[in-house]
Amino acid sequence: MTLVEFEGKRPRVHPDAFVAPTAVLIGDVTVEAGASVWYGAVLRADICTIVVREGSNIQDGSVLHAAPGEVLEVGPNATVGHGCVVHGRAVEEKALVGNGSTLLDGSVVGPGTLVAAGSVVTPGTVLPGGMVAAGIPCRPTKPVGGTSSELWVETNAAYYRELAERHAAGAVVVEPDEPDEPSADRS
């Protein structure tokens, strides 16, 4: 992992959190116990504060930032999927932001809400808890309960905690193999 101090503010990572070797944390970032920040993720808290609560996961290639002076909080057991841009205020407890989604200034994803992949949560939008929300602009469409989304909301954080433990124990950065010597016989 790359930890960058900025203007006297430095990232704080709990010893029981997993931060991938290629993740970058800048400034006033806190990653709590059991949370994970995956490969290629960037959490830039140079002008804001970012808090990743216990058991949450920020997946590969996602970028988190917020407006000046704001606090962006990813609540306990929440998920930010692959390749998301989160520039909002909160992803609340057990919420799941689907792959490739964008959350803009001041937005809030309520607890237990699933934001469908590729959605755009416009500035200032507050999505209520326990909903499936989708679209551009993102709007609640139905309750999570009784849908296929419920399984994702209920199980994703625990799955990623277990996967993070496996990566912490067994992922090793390696040097590239030496190229094979060219063969002298090209017949």
N, C-alpha and C. Protein backbone atom coordinates (compact mmCIF):
# COMPACT_ATOMS: atom_id res chain seq x y z
N MET A 1 0.85 -1.18 0.00
CA MET A 1 0.00 0.00 0.00
C MET A 1 0.89 1.23 0.00
N THR A 2 0.35 2.28 -0.56
CA THR A 2 1.04 3.56 -0.51
C THR A 2 0.24 4.48 0.40
N LEU A 3 0.90 4.95 1.46
CA LEU A 3 0.29 5.89 2.38
C LEU A 3 0.99 7.22 2.20
N VAL A 4 0.21 8.28 1.96
CA VAL A 4 0.79 9.59 1.68
C VAL A 4 0.31 10.58 2.73
N GLU A 5 1.25 11.18 3.45
CA GLU A 5 0.91 12.27 4.36
C GLU A 5 0.76 13.54 3.53
N PHE A 6 -0.27 14.32 3.85
CA PHE A 6 -0.50 15.59 3.14
C PHE A 6 -0.82 16.67 4.15
N GLU A 7 0.00 17.71 4.16
CA GLU A 7 -0.18 18.85 5.06
C GLU A 7 -0.41 18.41 6.50
N GLY A 8 0.43 17.45 6.94
CA GLY A 8 0.39 16.99 8.32
C GLY A 8 -0.68 15.95 8.63
N LYS A 9 -1.49 15.60 7.65
CA LYS A 9 -2.52 14.57 7.86
C LYS A 9 -2.06 13.29 7.17
N ARG A 10 -2.13 12.20 7.94
CA ARG A 10 -1.67 10.93 7.38
C ARG A 10 -2.70 9.84 7.59
N PRO A 11 -2.75 8.90 6.65
CA PRO A 11 -3.72 7.80 6.77
C PRO A 11 -3.46 6.95 8.02
N ARG A 12 -4.57 6.43 8.57
CA ARG A 12 -4.52 5.52 9.71
C ARG A 12 -5.23 4.24 9.31
N VAL A 13 -4.50 3.13 9.41
CA VAL A 13 -5.03 1.83 9.01
C VAL A 13 -4.94 0.89 10.20
N HIS A 14 -6.08 0.35 10.60
CA HIS A 14 -6.10 -0.61 11.71
C HIS A 14 -5.30 -1.85 11.31
N PRO A 15 -4.55 -2.43 12.25
CA PRO A 15 -3.75 -3.61 11.93
C PRO A 15 -4.57 -4.80 11.42
N ASP A 16 -5.87 -4.84 11.74
CA ASP A 16 -6.72 -5.93 11.27
C ASP A 16 -7.46 -5.59 9.99
N ALA A 17 -7.09 -4.51 9.33
CA ALA A 17 -7.66 -4.17 8.02
C ALA A 17 -6.73 -4.70 6.94
N PHE A 18 -7.28 -4.90 5.75
CA PHE A 18 -6.47 -5.28 4.59
C PHE A 18 -6.47 -4.12 3.61
N VAL A 19 -5.28 -3.65 3.27
CA VAL A 19 -5.12 -2.65 2.21
C VAL A 19 -4.15 -3.25 1.21
N ALA A 20 -4.61 -3.42 -0.02
CA ALA A 20 -3.81 -4.07 -1.07
C ALA A 20 -2.54 -3.27 -1.35
N PRO A 21 -1.51 -3.96 -1.81
CA PRO A 21 -0.23 -3.29 -2.07
C PRO A 21 -0.31 -2.15 -3.07
N THR A 22 -1.27 -2.18 -3.97
CA THR A 22 -1.36 -1.13 -5.00
C THR A 22 -2.41 -0.08 -4.69
N ALA A 23 -3.03 -0.15 -3.52
CA ALA A 23 -3.99 0.88 -3.12
C ALA A 23 -3.21 2.11 -2.64
N VAL A 24 -3.82 3.30 -2.80
CA VAL A 24 -3.19 4.55 -2.39
C VAL A 24 -4.14 5.30 -1.46
N LEU A 25 -3.65 5.61 -0.26
CA LEU A 25 -4.41 6.37 0.73
C LEU A 25 -3.67 7.67 0.99
N ILE A 26 -4.37 8.80 0.84
CA ILE A 26 -3.73 10.10 0.92
C ILE A 26 -4.44 10.95 1.97
N GLY A 27 -3.69 11.49 2.92
CA GLY A 27 -4.23 12.45 3.87
C GLY A 27 -5.06 11.85 4.97
N ASP A 28 -6.19 12.49 5.28
CA ASP A 28 -7.01 12.19 6.44
C ASP A 28 -7.96 11.01 6.18
N VAL A 29 -7.37 9.83 6.03
CA VAL A 29 -8.12 8.59 5.76
C VAL A 29 -8.01 7.69 6.99
N THR A 30 -9.12 7.11 7.39
CA THR A 30 -9.13 6.10 8.45
C THR A 30 -9.76 4.83 7.89
N VAL A 31 -9.07 3.71 8.09
CA VAL A 31 -9.59 2.40 7.69
C VAL A 31 -9.66 1.55 8.97
N GLU A 32 -10.88 1.18 9.37
CA GLU A 32 -11.09 0.48 10.62
C GLU A 32 -10.88 -1.03 10.49
N ALA A 33 -10.93 -1.71 11.63
CA ALA A 33 -10.71 -3.16 11.73
C ALA A 33 -11.64 -3.93 10.79
N GLY A 34 -11.09 -4.94 10.15
CA GLY A 34 -11.89 -5.82 9.31
C GLY A 34 -12.31 -5.21 7.99
N ALA A 35 -11.96 -3.95 7.74
CA ALA A 35 -12.27 -3.31 6.45
C ALA A 35 -11.21 -3.71 5.43
N SER A 36 -11.53 -3.52 4.15
CA SER A 36 -10.55 -3.82 3.11
C SER A 36 -10.61 -2.76 2.01
N VAL A 37 -9.43 -2.44 1.50
CA VAL A 37 -9.28 -1.51 0.38
C VAL A 37 -8.46 -2.27 -0.66
N TRP A 38 -9.05 -2.47 -1.83
CA TRP A 38 -8.51 -3.41 -2.80
C TRP A 38 -7.61 -2.75 -3.84
N TYR A 39 -7.07 -3.59 -4.70
CA TYR A 39 -6.04 -3.21 -5.67
C TYR A 39 -6.47 -2.03 -6.55
N GLY A 40 -5.58 -1.05 -6.62
CA GLY A 40 -5.82 0.10 -7.49
C GLY A 40 -6.80 1.13 -6.97
N ALA A 41 -7.33 0.93 -5.77
CA ALA A 41 -8.24 1.92 -5.20
C ALA A 41 -7.44 3.13 -4.75
N VAL A 42 -8.06 4.31 -4.85
CA VAL A 42 -7.44 5.56 -4.39
C VAL A 42 -8.43 6.26 -3.46
N LEU A 43 -7.99 6.52 -2.23
CA LEU A 43 -8.77 7.27 -1.25
C LEU A 43 -7.99 8.55 -0.98
N ARG A 44 -8.47 9.67 -1.55
CA ARG A 44 -7.73 10.93 -1.47
C ARG A 44 -8.46 11.89 -0.55
N ALA A 45 -7.95 12.00 0.68
CA ALA A 45 -8.53 12.89 1.69
C ALA A 45 -7.59 14.06 1.93
N ASP A 46 -7.28 14.78 0.87
CA ASP A 46 -6.41 15.94 0.99
C ASP A 46 -7.17 17.17 1.48
N ILE A 47 -8.41 17.33 1.04
CA ILE A 47 -9.23 18.48 1.42
C ILE A 47 -10.48 18.07 2.19
N CYS A 48 -10.58 16.78 2.47
CA CYS A 48 -11.76 16.22 3.15
C CYS A 48 -11.28 15.17 4.13
N THR A 49 -12.22 14.45 4.72
CA THR A 49 -11.93 13.31 5.59
C THR A 49 -12.66 12.10 5.02
N ILE A 50 -11.99 10.95 5.01
CA ILE A 50 -12.62 9.71 4.56
C ILE A 50 -12.50 8.68 5.68
N VAL A 51 -13.63 8.08 6.04
CA VAL A 51 -13.65 7.03 7.07
C VAL A 51 -14.28 5.79 6.47
N VAL A 52 -13.53 4.68 6.50
CA VAL A 52 -14.03 3.38 6.05
C VAL A 52 -14.25 2.56 7.31
N ARG A 53 -15.51 2.35 7.65
CA ARG A 53 -15.88 1.71 8.92
C ARG A 53 -15.63 0.20 8.89
N GLU A 54 -15.70 -0.36 10.07
CA GLU A 54 -15.42 -1.77 10.32
C GLU A 54 -16.18 -2.69 9.36
N GLY A 55 -15.43 -3.62 8.75
CA GLY A 55 -16.03 -4.65 7.92
C GLY A 55 -16.40 -4.22 6.51
N SER A 56 -16.17 -2.96 6.16
CA SER A 56 -16.53 -2.48 4.81
C SER A 56 -15.45 -2.83 3.81
N ASN A 57 -15.81 -2.77 2.52
CA ASN A 57 -14.82 -3.03 1.48
C ASN A 57 -14.95 -2.03 0.36
N ILE A 58 -13.78 -1.54 -0.08
CA ILE A 58 -13.67 -0.63 -1.20
C ILE A 58 -12.94 -1.43 -2.28
N GLN A 59 -13.64 -1.77 -3.34
CA GLN A 59 -13.10 -2.73 -4.29
C GLN A 59 -12.21 -2.07 -5.34
N ASP A 60 -11.58 -2.93 -6.13
CA ASP A 60 -10.54 -2.57 -7.08
C ASP A 60 -10.93 -1.40 -7.98
N GLY A 61 -10.00 -0.44 -8.08
CA GLY A 61 -10.14 0.66 -9.03
C GLY A 61 -11.11 1.75 -8.64
N SER A 62 -11.66 1.70 -7.43
CA SER A 62 -12.59 2.75 -7.02
C SER A 62 -11.82 3.96 -6.50
N VAL A 63 -12.44 5.13 -6.64
CA VAL A 63 -11.84 6.39 -6.20
C VAL A 63 -12.81 7.06 -5.23
N LEU A 64 -12.31 7.41 -4.03
CA LEU A 64 -13.11 8.12 -3.04
C LEU A 64 -12.48 9.47 -2.76
N HIS A 65 -13.31 10.51 -2.73
CA HIS A 65 -12.89 11.89 -2.47
C HIS A 65 -14.16 12.63 -2.07
N ALA A 66 -14.04 13.83 -1.57
CA ALA A 66 -15.23 14.63 -1.22
C ALA A 66 -14.89 16.10 -1.33
N ALA A 67 -15.91 16.92 -1.21
CA ALA A 67 -15.76 18.37 -1.30
C ALA A 67 -14.95 18.89 -0.11
N PRO A 68 -14.40 20.10 -0.24
CA PRO A 68 -13.59 20.67 0.85
C PRO A 68 -14.33 20.69 2.18
N GLY A 69 -13.65 20.18 3.23
CA GLY A 69 -14.20 20.19 4.58
C GLY A 69 -15.24 19.13 4.87
N GLU A 70 -15.64 18.36 3.88
CA GLU A 70 -16.66 17.32 4.07
C GLU A 70 -16.05 16.04 4.66
N VAL A 71 -16.92 15.23 5.26
CA VAL A 71 -16.55 13.90 5.72
C VAL A 71 -17.31 12.90 4.86
N LEU A 72 -16.58 12.00 4.22
CA LEU A 72 -17.16 10.90 3.46
C LEU A 72 -17.01 9.65 4.32
N GLU A 73 -18.15 9.06 4.69
CA GLU A 73 -18.12 7.88 5.55
C GLU A 73 -18.73 6.69 4.82
N VAL A 74 -17.97 5.60 4.80
CA VAL A 74 -18.47 4.32 4.31
C VAL A 74 -18.79 3.53 5.56
N GLY A 75 -20.08 3.29 5.78
CA GLY A 75 -20.55 2.70 7.03
C GLY A 75 -20.14 1.26 7.23
N PRO A 76 -20.38 0.73 8.42
CA PRO A 76 -20.00 -0.64 8.73
C PRO A 76 -20.63 -1.64 7.75
N ASN A 77 -19.80 -2.58 7.32
CA ASN A 77 -20.24 -3.68 6.45
C ASN A 77 -20.85 -3.22 5.13
N ALA A 78 -20.41 -2.06 4.65
CA ALA A 78 -20.86 -1.56 3.35
C ALA A 78 -19.88 -2.00 2.27
N THR A 79 -20.33 -1.92 1.03
CA THR A 79 -19.51 -2.29 -0.12
C THR A 79 -19.54 -1.19 -1.15
N VAL A 80 -18.36 -0.81 -1.63
CA VAL A 80 -18.22 0.03 -2.81
C VAL A 80 -17.60 -0.88 -3.87
N GLY A 81 -18.37 -1.20 -4.91
CA GLY A 81 -17.95 -2.16 -5.92
C GLY A 81 -16.79 -1.69 -6.77
N HIS A 82 -16.43 -2.50 -7.73
CA HIS A 82 -15.30 -2.24 -8.61
C HIS A 82 -15.53 -0.98 -9.46
N GLY A 83 -14.49 -0.16 -9.57
CA GLY A 83 -14.51 0.96 -10.51
C GLY A 83 -15.54 2.04 -10.23
N CYS A 84 -15.83 2.30 -8.98
CA CYS A 84 -16.79 3.35 -8.63
C CYS A 84 -16.08 4.67 -8.36
N VAL A 85 -16.81 5.75 -8.56
CA VAL A 85 -16.35 7.08 -8.14
C VAL A 85 -17.32 7.52 -7.05
N VAL A 86 -16.79 7.67 -5.83
CA VAL A 86 -17.62 8.07 -4.70
C VAL A 86 -17.15 9.44 -4.24
N HIS A 87 -17.96 10.45 -4.51
CA HIS A 87 -17.64 11.84 -4.16
C HIS A 87 -18.80 12.38 -3.34
N GLY A 88 -19.45 11.49 -2.59
CA GLY A 88 -20.64 11.85 -1.82
C GLY A 88 -20.33 12.06 -0.37
N ARG A 89 -21.38 11.96 0.45
CA ARG A 89 -21.25 12.16 1.88
C ARG A 89 -21.25 10.84 2.65
N ALA A 90 -22.07 9.86 2.21
CA ALA A 90 -22.14 8.62 2.97
C ALA A 90 -22.65 7.46 2.14
N VAL A 91 -22.04 6.31 2.40
CA VAL A 91 -22.57 5.01 1.99
C VAL A 91 -22.82 4.32 3.33
N GLU A 92 -24.08 4.25 3.73
CA GLU A 92 -24.39 3.85 5.10
C GLU A 92 -24.29 2.35 5.31
N GLU A 93 -24.50 1.93 6.56
CA GLU A 93 -24.30 0.55 6.98
C GLU A 93 -24.95 -0.45 6.04
N LYS A 94 -24.15 -1.43 5.63
CA LYS A 94 -24.58 -2.57 4.82
C LYS A 94 -25.15 -2.16 3.46
N ALA A 95 -24.89 -0.92 3.03
CA ALA A 95 -25.28 -0.52 1.67
C ALA A 95 -24.28 -1.12 0.68
N LEU A 96 -24.72 -1.27 -0.55
CA LEU A 96 -23.86 -1.82 -1.60
C LEU A 96 -23.97 -0.94 -2.83
N VAL A 97 -22.83 -0.40 -3.25
CA VAL A 97 -22.76 0.44 -4.45
C VAL A 97 -22.21 -0.44 -5.57
N GLY A 98 -23.03 -0.68 -6.58
CA GLY A 98 -22.68 -1.60 -7.66
C GLY A 98 -21.55 -1.08 -8.54
N ASN A 99 -20.89 -2.01 -9.21
CA ASN A 99 -19.74 -1.72 -10.06
C ASN A 99 -20.01 -0.56 -11.01
N GLY A 100 -19.01 0.32 -11.12
CA GLY A 100 -19.06 1.39 -12.10
C GLY A 100 -20.03 2.52 -11.78
N SER A 101 -20.53 2.57 -10.57
CA SER A 101 -21.46 3.64 -10.21
C SER A 101 -20.71 4.91 -9.81
N THR A 102 -21.42 6.03 -9.88
CA THR A 102 -20.87 7.33 -9.51
C THR A 102 -21.81 7.97 -8.49
N LEU A 103 -21.24 8.41 -7.37
CA LEU A 103 -21.98 9.13 -6.33
C LEU A 103 -21.40 10.53 -6.25
N LEU A 104 -22.23 11.54 -6.48
CA LEU A 104 -21.74 12.91 -6.55
C LEU A 104 -21.94 13.67 -5.24
N ASP A 105 -21.44 14.90 -5.19
CA ASP A 105 -21.36 15.72 -3.97
C ASP A 105 -22.63 15.66 -3.12
N GLY A 106 -22.41 15.39 -1.82
CA GLY A 106 -23.49 15.44 -0.86
C GLY A 106 -24.46 14.29 -0.91
N SER A 107 -24.24 13.33 -1.76
CA SER A 107 -25.19 12.21 -1.87
C SER A 107 -25.03 11.24 -0.71
N VAL A 108 -26.12 10.54 -0.40
CA VAL A 108 -26.15 9.57 0.69
C VAL A 108 -26.87 8.33 0.18
N VAL A 109 -26.26 7.16 0.41
CA VAL A 109 -26.90 5.88 0.12
C VAL A 109 -27.33 5.31 1.46
N GLY A 110 -28.62 5.16 1.67
CA GLY A 110 -29.17 4.71 2.95
C GLY A 110 -28.76 3.30 3.31
N PRO A 111 -28.93 2.93 4.59
CA PRO A 111 -28.52 1.61 5.06
C PRO A 111 -29.26 0.49 4.33
N GLY A 112 -28.47 -0.54 3.96
CA GLY A 112 -29.06 -1.71 3.31
C GLY A 112 -29.58 -1.46 1.91
N THR A 113 -29.24 -0.34 1.32
CA THR A 113 -29.67 -0.04 -0.05
C THR A 113 -28.65 -0.55 -1.04
N LEU A 114 -29.12 -1.07 -2.16
CA LEU A 114 -28.25 -1.50 -3.25
C LEU A 114 -28.41 -0.52 -4.41
N VAL A 115 -27.30 0.10 -4.80
CA VAL A 115 -27.26 0.95 -5.98
C VAL A 115 -26.82 0.08 -7.14
N ALA A 116 -27.67 -0.05 -8.15
CA ALA A 116 -27.37 -0.94 -9.28
C ALA A 116 -26.14 -0.46 -10.03
N ALA A 117 -25.42 -1.42 -10.63
CA ALA A 117 -24.21 -1.13 -11.38
C ALA A 117 -24.47 -0.05 -12.43
N GLY A 118 -23.50 0.86 -12.56
CA GLY A 118 -23.55 1.88 -13.58
C GLY A 118 -24.47 3.05 -13.29
N SER A 119 -25.01 3.12 -12.09
CA SER A 119 -25.93 4.21 -11.74
C SER A 119 -25.16 5.49 -11.43
N VAL A 120 -25.87 6.62 -11.52
CA VAL A 120 -25.31 7.91 -11.14
C VAL A 120 -26.24 8.54 -10.10
N VAL A 121 -25.70 8.70 -8.89
CA VAL A 121 -26.44 9.34 -7.82
C VAL A 121 -26.07 10.82 -7.86
N THR A 122 -27.03 11.64 -8.23
CA THR A 122 -26.78 13.06 -8.48
C THR A 122 -26.53 13.84 -7.18
N PRO A 123 -25.94 15.03 -7.29
CA PRO A 123 -25.59 15.81 -6.10
C PRO A 123 -26.78 16.02 -5.16
N GLY A 124 -26.52 15.79 -3.86
CA GLY A 124 -27.52 16.03 -2.84
C GLY A 124 -28.60 14.98 -2.70
N THR A 125 -28.60 13.96 -3.55
CA THR A 125 -29.62 12.91 -3.47
C THR A 125 -29.42 12.07 -2.21
N VAL A 126 -30.51 11.81 -1.50
CA VAL A 126 -30.48 10.92 -0.34
C VAL A 126 -31.38 9.74 -0.67
N LEU A 127 -30.76 8.58 -0.88
CA LEU A 127 -31.52 7.36 -1.17
C LEU A 127 -31.93 6.73 0.16
N PRO A 128 -33.22 6.39 0.32
CA PRO A 128 -33.67 5.80 1.59
C PRO A 128 -33.09 4.41 1.80
N GLY A 129 -33.12 3.95 3.02
CA GLY A 129 -32.60 2.64 3.37
C GLY A 129 -33.47 1.51 2.84
N GLY A 130 -32.82 0.34 2.63
CA GLY A 130 -33.54 -0.87 2.28
C GLY A 130 -34.15 -0.91 0.89
N MET A 131 -33.57 -0.15 -0.03
CA MET A 131 -34.14 -0.07 -1.39
C MET A 131 -33.14 -0.56 -2.44
N VAL A 132 -33.67 -0.98 -3.58
CA VAL A 132 -32.88 -1.14 -4.79
C VAL A 132 -33.05 0.18 -5.53
N ALA A 133 -31.94 0.79 -5.92
CA ALA A 133 -31.98 2.06 -6.64
C ALA A 133 -31.17 1.91 -7.91
N ALA A 134 -31.64 2.53 -8.99
CA ALA A 134 -30.96 2.34 -10.28
C ALA A 134 -31.18 3.55 -11.17
N GLY A 135 -30.30 3.66 -12.16
CA GLY A 135 -30.52 4.61 -13.24
C GLY A 135 -29.62 5.82 -13.22
N ILE A 136 -29.86 6.64 -14.25
CA ILE A 136 -29.19 7.92 -14.41
C ILE A 136 -30.27 8.95 -14.71
N PRO A 137 -30.71 9.71 -13.73
CA PRO A 137 -30.25 9.72 -12.34
C PRO A 137 -30.81 8.53 -11.56
N CYS A 138 -30.07 8.14 -10.54
CA CYS A 138 -30.44 7.00 -9.72
C CYS A 138 -31.65 7.32 -8.85
N ARG A 139 -32.63 6.41 -8.88
CA ARG A 139 -33.86 6.57 -8.09
C ARG A 139 -34.22 5.21 -7.47
N PRO A 140 -34.86 5.22 -6.29
CA PRO A 140 -35.33 3.97 -5.70
C PRO A 140 -36.36 3.32 -6.63
N THR A 141 -36.26 1.99 -6.79
CA THR A 141 -37.20 1.28 -7.66
C THR A 141 -38.10 0.30 -6.91
N LYS A 142 -37.55 -0.33 -5.84
CA LYS A 142 -38.34 -1.31 -5.08
C LYS A 142 -37.58 -1.64 -3.79
N PRO A 143 -38.24 -2.22 -2.81
CA PRO A 143 -37.54 -2.66 -1.60
C PRO A 143 -36.57 -3.80 -1.92
N VAL A 144 -35.47 -3.85 -1.17
CA VAL A 144 -34.47 -4.92 -1.33
C VAL A 144 -35.06 -6.27 -0.92
N GLY A 145 -35.85 -6.29 0.17
CA GLY A 145 -36.40 -7.52 0.71
C GLY A 145 -37.15 -8.33 -0.32
N GLY A 146 -36.80 -9.63 -0.41
CA GLY A 146 -37.49 -10.53 -1.32
C GLY A 146 -36.99 -10.49 -2.76
N THR A 147 -35.94 -9.72 -3.02
CA THR A 147 -35.37 -9.67 -4.37
C THR A 147 -34.02 -10.37 -4.39
N SER A 148 -33.46 -10.58 -5.57
CA SER A 148 -32.12 -11.17 -5.68
C SER A 148 -31.06 -10.23 -5.10
N SER A 149 -31.36 -8.95 -5.00
CA SER A 149 -30.43 -7.98 -4.42
C SER A 149 -30.22 -8.22 -2.93
N GLU A 150 -31.21 -8.81 -2.27
CA GLU A 150 -31.12 -9.04 -0.83
C GLU A 150 -29.92 -9.93 -0.48
N LEU A 151 -29.67 -10.96 -1.28
CA LEU A 151 -28.53 -11.85 -1.04
C LEU A 151 -27.22 -11.06 -1.08
N TRP A 152 -27.07 -10.17 -2.06
CA TRP A 152 -25.85 -9.37 -2.17
C TRP A 152 -25.68 -8.48 -0.95
N VAL A 153 -26.73 -7.79 -0.56
CA VAL A 153 -26.66 -6.88 0.58
C VAL A 153 -26.32 -7.64 1.86
N GLU A 154 -26.92 -8.81 2.03
CA GLU A 154 -26.73 -9.57 3.27
C GLU A 154 -25.39 -10.30 3.36
N THR A 155 -24.79 -10.67 2.23
CA THR A 155 -23.62 -11.55 2.28
C THR A 155 -22.31 -10.93 1.78
N ASN A 156 -22.37 -9.85 1.04
CA ASN A 156 -21.16 -9.35 0.38
C ASN A 156 -20.06 -8.92 1.35
N ALA A 157 -20.39 -8.21 2.41
CA ALA A 157 -19.36 -7.75 3.34
C ALA A 157 -18.63 -8.91 3.99
N ALA A 158 -19.36 -9.92 4.43
CA ALA A 158 -18.73 -11.09 5.06
C ALA A 158 -17.85 -11.83 4.06
N TYR A 159 -18.32 -11.96 2.84
CA TYR A 159 -17.52 -12.61 1.80
C TYR A 159 -16.20 -11.88 1.60
N TYR A 160 -16.26 -10.55 1.50
CA TYR A 160 -15.04 -9.77 1.28
C TYR A 160 -14.13 -9.76 2.50
N ARG A 161 -14.66 -9.86 3.71
CA ARG A 161 -13.80 -9.99 4.89
C ARG A 161 -12.98 -11.27 4.80
N GLU A 162 -13.65 -12.37 4.44
CA GLU A 162 -12.95 -13.65 4.33
C GLU A 162 -11.93 -13.60 3.19
N LEU A 163 -12.30 -13.03 2.06
CA LEU A 163 -11.38 -12.92 0.93
C LEU A 163 -10.18 -12.04 1.28
N ALA A 164 -10.41 -10.97 2.02
CA ALA A 164 -9.31 -10.10 2.44
C ALA A 164 -8.33 -10.85 3.34
N GLU A 165 -8.85 -11.69 4.23
CA GLU A 165 -7.96 -12.51 5.07
C GLU A 165 -7.08 -13.41 4.22
N ARG A 166 -7.67 -13.99 3.18
CA ARG A 166 -6.89 -14.86 2.28
C ARG A 166 -5.81 -14.07 1.55
N HIS A 167 -6.16 -12.88 1.09
CA HIS A 167 -5.16 -12.05 0.40
C HIS A 167 -4.06 -11.60 1.35
N ALA A 168 -4.44 -11.21 2.57
CA ALA A 168 -3.45 -10.78 3.55
C ALA A 168 -2.47 -11.91 3.86
N ALA A 169 -2.97 -13.14 3.89
CA ALA A 169 -2.13 -14.29 4.22
C ALA A 169 -1.36 -14.84 3.03
N GLY A 170 -1.88 -14.67 1.81
CA GLY A 170 -1.28 -15.40 0.70
C GLY A 170 -0.93 -14.64 -0.56
N ALA A 171 -1.26 -13.37 -0.65
CA ALA A 171 -0.91 -12.60 -1.85
C ALA A 171 0.49 -12.03 -1.69
N VAL A 172 1.33 -12.24 -2.68
CA VAL A 172 2.72 -11.80 -2.63
C VAL A 172 3.05 -11.04 -3.91
N VAL A 173 3.60 -9.85 -3.76
CA VAL A 173 4.05 -9.09 -4.92
C VAL A 173 5.33 -9.76 -5.43
N VAL A 174 5.36 -10.07 -6.71
CA VAL A 174 6.51 -10.76 -7.29
C VAL A 174 7.10 -9.92 -8.42
N GLU A 175 8.35 -10.21 -8.73
CA GLU A 175 9.02 -9.58 -9.86
C GLU A 175 8.66 -10.35 -11.12
N PRO A 176 8.63 -9.67 -12.26
CA PRO A 176 8.32 -10.40 -13.50
C PRO A 176 9.39 -11.45 -13.78
N ASP A 177 8.96 -12.53 -14.43
CA ASP A 177 9.91 -13.56 -14.84
C ASP A 177 10.86 -12.98 -15.88
N GLU A 178 12.07 -13.53 -15.88
CA GLU A 178 13.03 -13.16 -16.93
C GLU A 178 12.52 -13.70 -18.26
N PRO A 179 12.66 -12.91 -19.33
CA PRO A 179 12.23 -13.45 -20.63
C PRO A 179 13.08 -14.64 -21.03
N ASP A 180 12.45 -15.56 -21.73
CA ASP A 180 13.20 -16.73 -22.21
C ASP A 180 14.28 -16.27 -23.18
N GLU A 181 15.40 -16.99 -23.14
CA GLU A 181 16.47 -16.71 -24.11
C GLU A 181 15.98 -17.11 -25.50
N PRO A 182 16.30 -16.28 -26.50
CA PRO A 182 15.89 -16.68 -27.86
C PRO A 182 16.60 -17.96 -28.27
N SER A 183 15.86 -18.77 -28.94
CA SER A 183 16.41 -20.03 -29.40
C SER A 183 17.36 -19.79 -30.56
N ALA A 184 18.52 -20.48 -30.52
CA ALA A 184 19.50 -20.36 -31.60
C ALA A 184 19.02 -21.09 -32.84
N ASP A 185 18.21 -22.11 -32.64
CA ASP A 185 17.73 -22.92 -33.78
C ASP A 185 16.32 -22.44 -34.14
N ARG A 186 16.19 -21.80 -35.25
CA ARG A 186 14.89 -21.29 -35.71
C ARG A 186 14.43 -22.02 -36.97
N SER A 187 14.76 -23.27 -37.12
CA SER A 187 14.41 -23.98 -38.35
C SER A 187 12.99 -24.36 -38.44
